[in-house]
Amino acid sequence: MNLDGAQSLGSLVDYQAGSIVSRQIVKDQGGSATAFAFDSGQGLSEHTTPHEALIQVIDGTARVEIAGVAHAVGAGEIIHLPAGVPHAVQAEERFQMLLVMIRTDG
């Protein structure tokens, strides 16, 4: 995907009632960046990934569980998701985030 010029993070994905919408912005061997918009009450169930990741909250609030510990996050905040550690995301209200996955060789 090629973004022409600067864009507001909040404009990359639109909310849809009862849904989670995502848009991959960048992907290569080093990692990826994906924008998400969650309607209130929507979430991603607990899962793990083999890669480090960062969530940057763009709008709204959510609960991010990492290894069973809940963290409240809101607009302007960032949270680290360690590789191989179970995590989940639950929108407390409409919520947008940028997920950055970082792939490493070991």
C-alpha atoms as a PDB file:
ATOM      1  CA  MET A   1       0.000   0.000   0.000  1.00  0.00           C
ATOM      2  CA  ASN A   2       1.204   3.456  -0.768  1.00  0.00           C
ATOM      3  CA  LEU A   3      -0.007   6.436   1.207  1.00  0.00           C
ATOM      4  CA  ASP A   4       0.462   9.661  -0.706  1.00  0.00           C
ATOM      5  CA  GLY A   5       1.567  12.428   1.636  1.00  0.00           C
ATOM      6  CA  ALA A   6       0.721  12.882   5.293  1.00  0.00           C
ATOM      7  CA  GLN A   7      -2.584  11.574   6.604  1.00  0.00           C
ATOM      8  CA  SER A   8      -4.366  11.643   9.938  1.00  0.00           C
ATOM      9  CA  LEU A   9      -4.212   8.242  11.647  1.00  0.00           C
ATOM     10  CA  GLY A  10      -7.910   8.522  12.485  1.00  0.00           C
ATOM     11  CA  SER A  11      -8.809   8.822   8.795  1.00  0.00           C
ATOM     12  CA  LEU A  12      -7.248   5.474   7.806  1.00  0.00           C
ATOM     13  CA  VAL A  13     -10.219   3.322   8.896  1.00  0.00           C
ATOM     14  CA  ASP A  14     -13.884   4.101   9.511  1.00  0.00           C
ATOM     15  CA  TYR A  15     -16.060   2.691  12.263  1.00  0.00           C
ATOM     16  CA  GLN A  16     -18.777   0.191  11.276  1.00  0.00           C
ATOM     17  CA  ALA A  17     -21.607  -0.773  13.621  1.00  0.00           C
ATOM     18  CA  GLY A  18     -21.032  -4.106  15.351  1.00  0.00           C
ATOM     19  CA  SER A  19     -17.695  -4.682  13.596  1.00  0.00           C
ATOM     20  CA  ILE A  20     -13.939  -4.456  13.643  1.00  0.00           C
ATOM     21  CA  VAL A  21     -12.450  -2.866  10.532  1.00  0.00           C
ATOM     22  CA  SER A  22      -8.765  -3.101   9.638  1.00  0.00           C
ATOM     23  CA  ARG A  23      -6.519  -1.665   6.957  1.00  0.00           C
ATOM     24  CA  GLN A  24      -2.937  -2.777   6.452  1.00  0.00           C
ATOM     25  CA  ILE A  25      -0.757   0.241   5.804  1.00  0.00           C
ATOM     26  CA  VAL A  26       2.675  -1.327   5.432  1.00  0.00           C
ATOM     27  CA  LYS A  27       4.051  -4.864   5.308  1.00  0.00           C
ATOM     28  CA  ASP A  28       7.529  -6.131   4.558  1.00  0.00           C
ATOM     29  CA  GLN A  29      10.042  -8.594   5.994  1.00  0.00           C
ATOM     30  CA  GLY A  30      10.723  -6.238   8.938  1.00  0.00           C
ATOM     31  CA  GLY A  31       7.124  -6.054  10.102  1.00  0.00           C
ATOM     32  CA  SER A  32       3.783  -4.447   9.463  1.00  0.00           C
ATOM     33  CA  ALA A  33       1.526  -1.570  10.485  1.00  0.00           C
ATOM     34  CA  THR A  34      -2.250  -2.023  10.515  1.00  0.00           C
ATOM     35  CA  ALA A  35      -4.947   0.479  11.514  1.00  0.00           C
ATOM     36  CA  PHE A  36      -8.040  -0.889  13.301  1.00  0.00           C
ATOM     37  CA  ALA A  37     -11.444   0.588  14.205  1.00  0.00           C
ATOM     38  CA  PHE A  38     -13.511  -1.312  16.799  1.00  0.00           C
ATOM     39  CA  ASP A  39     -17.155  -0.580  17.493  1.00  0.00           C
ATOM     40  CA  SER A  40     -18.031  -0.408  21.189  1.00  0.00           C
ATOM     41  CA  GLY A  41     -17.963  -3.867  22.794  1.00  0.00           C
ATOM     42  CA  GLN A  42     -16.001  -5.504  19.977  1.00  0.00           C
ATOM     43  CA  GLY A  43     -12.696  -7.223  20.637  1.00  0.00           C
ATOM     44  CA  LEU A  44      -9.971  -9.648  19.697  1.00  0.00           C
ATOM     45  CA  SER A  45      -9.940 -12.796  21.790  1.00  0.00           C
ATOM     46  CA  GLU A  46      -6.802 -13.944  23.567  1.00  0.00           C
ATOM     47  CA  HIS A  47      -4.029 -15.036  21.206  1.00  0.00           C
ATOM     48  CA  THR A  48      -0.253 -14.988  20.867  1.00  0.00           C
ATOM     49  CA  THR A  49       2.096 -13.959  18.085  1.00  0.00           C
ATOM     50  CA  PRO A  50       5.748 -14.830  17.548  1.00  0.00           C
ATOM     51  CA  HIS A  51       6.599 -11.129  17.099  1.00  0.00           C
ATOM     52  CA  GLU A  52       6.937  -8.070  19.308  1.00  0.00           C
ATOM     53  CA  ALA A  53       4.143  -5.550  18.790  1.00  0.00           C
ATOM     54  CA  LEU A  54       3.112  -2.059  19.804  1.00  0.00           C
ATOM     55  CA  ILE A  55      -0.408  -0.660  19.997  1.00  0.00           C
ATOM     56  CA  GLN A  56      -0.828   3.093  19.630  1.00  0.00           C
ATOM     57  CA  VAL A  57      -4.306   4.246  20.633  1.00  0.00           C
ATOM     58  CA  ILE A  58      -5.687   6.768  18.148  1.00  0.00           C
ATOM     59  CA  ASP A  59      -9.208   7.312  19.512  1.00  0.00           C
ATOM     60  CA  GLY A  60     -11.430   6.009  22.304  1.00  0.00           C
ATOM     61  CA  THR A  61     -10.609   3.602  25.113  1.00  0.00           C
ATOM     62  CA  ALA A  62      -9.991  -0.116  25.396  1.00  0.00           C
ATOM     63  CA  ARG A  63      -8.860  -2.834  27.760  1.00  0.00           C
ATOM     64  CA  VAL A  64      -5.736  -4.700  26.701  1.00  0.00           C
ATOM     65  CA  GLU A  65      -4.964  -7.892  28.607  1.00  0.00           C
ATOM     66  CA  ILE A  66      -1.384  -9.117  28.580  1.00  0.00           C
ATOM     67  CA  ALA A  67      -0.671 -12.436  30.337  1.00  0.00           C
ATOM     68  CA  GLY A  68      -3.971 -12.053  32.219  1.00  0.00           C
ATOM     69  CA  VAL A  69      -3.239  -8.524  33.478  1.00  0.00           C
ATOM     70  CA  ALA A  70      -5.719  -5.857  32.310  1.00  0.00           C
ATOM     71  CA  HIS A  71      -4.495  -2.429  31.175  1.00  0.00           C
ATOM     72  CA  ALA A  72      -6.831   0.494  30.451  1.00  0.00           C
ATOM     73  CA  VAL A  73      -5.593   2.463  27.431  1.00  0.00           C
ATOM     74  CA  GLY A  74      -6.836   5.647  25.808  1.00  0.00           C
ATOM     75  CA  ALA A  75      -6.122   8.077  22.990  1.00  0.00           C
ATOM     76  CA  GLY A  76      -2.477   9.068  22.733  1.00  0.00           C
ATOM     77  CA  GLU A  77      -1.185   6.088  24.735  1.00  0.00           C
ATOM     78  CA  ILE A  78       1.007   3.208  23.601  1.00  0.00           C
ATOM     79  CA  ILE A  79       1.375  -0.322  24.983  1.00  0.00           C
ATOM     80  CA  HIS A  80       3.899  -3.092  24.243  1.00  0.00           C
ATOM     81  CA  LEU A  81       2.795  -6.651  23.448  1.00  0.00           C
ATOM     82  CA  PRO A  82       5.717  -9.043  24.038  1.00  0.00           C
ATOM     83  CA  ALA A  83       6.297 -11.888  21.587  1.00  0.00           C
ATOM     84  CA  GLY A  84       4.832 -15.224  22.644  1.00  0.00           C
ATOM     85  CA  VAL A  85       2.757 -13.745  25.495  1.00  0.00           C
ATOM     86  CA  PRO A  86      -1.053 -14.162  25.391  1.00  0.00           C
ATOM     87  CA  HIS A  87      -2.960 -10.910  24.859  1.00  0.00           C
ATOM     88  CA  ALA A  88      -6.475  -9.696  24.032  1.00  0.00           C
ATOM     89  CA  VAL A  89      -8.114  -6.361  23.133  1.00  0.00           C
ATOM     90  CA  GLN A  90     -11.629  -5.247  24.129  1.00  0.00           C
ATOM     91  CA  ALA A  91     -13.142  -1.892  23.104  1.00  0.00           C
ATOM     92  CA  GLU A  92     -14.751  -0.112  26.054  1.00  0.00           C
ATOM     93  CA  GLU A  93     -16.181   2.416  23.569  1.00  0.00           C
ATOM     94  CA  ARG A  94     -15.506   3.057  19.883  1.00  0.00           C
ATOM     95  CA  PHE A  95     -11.776   2.623  19.619  1.00  0.00           C
ATOM     96  CA  GLN A  96      -9.112   3.066  16.938  1.00  0.00           C
ATOM     97  CA  MET A  97      -5.561   1.782  17.148  1.00  0.00           C
ATOM     98  CA  LEU A  98      -2.427   1.384  15.086  1.00  0.00           C
ATOM     99  CA  LEU A  99      -0.819  -2.055  15.508  1.00  0.00           C
ATOM    100  CA  VAL A 100       2.870  -2.221  14.646  1.00  0.00           C
ATOM    101  CA  MET A 101       4.349  -5.733  14.410  1.00  0.00           C
ATOM    102  CA  ILE A 102       8.128  -5.991  14.579  1.00  0.00           C
ATOM    103  CA  ARG A 103       9.684  -9.098  13.061  1.00  0.00           C
ATOM    104  CA  THR A 104      13.174 -10.066  14.206  1.00  0.00           C
ATOM    105  CA  ASP A 105      15.567 -12.838  13.259  1.00  0.00           C
ATOM    106  CA  GLY A 106      15.836 -14.437  16.604  1.00  0.00           C
END
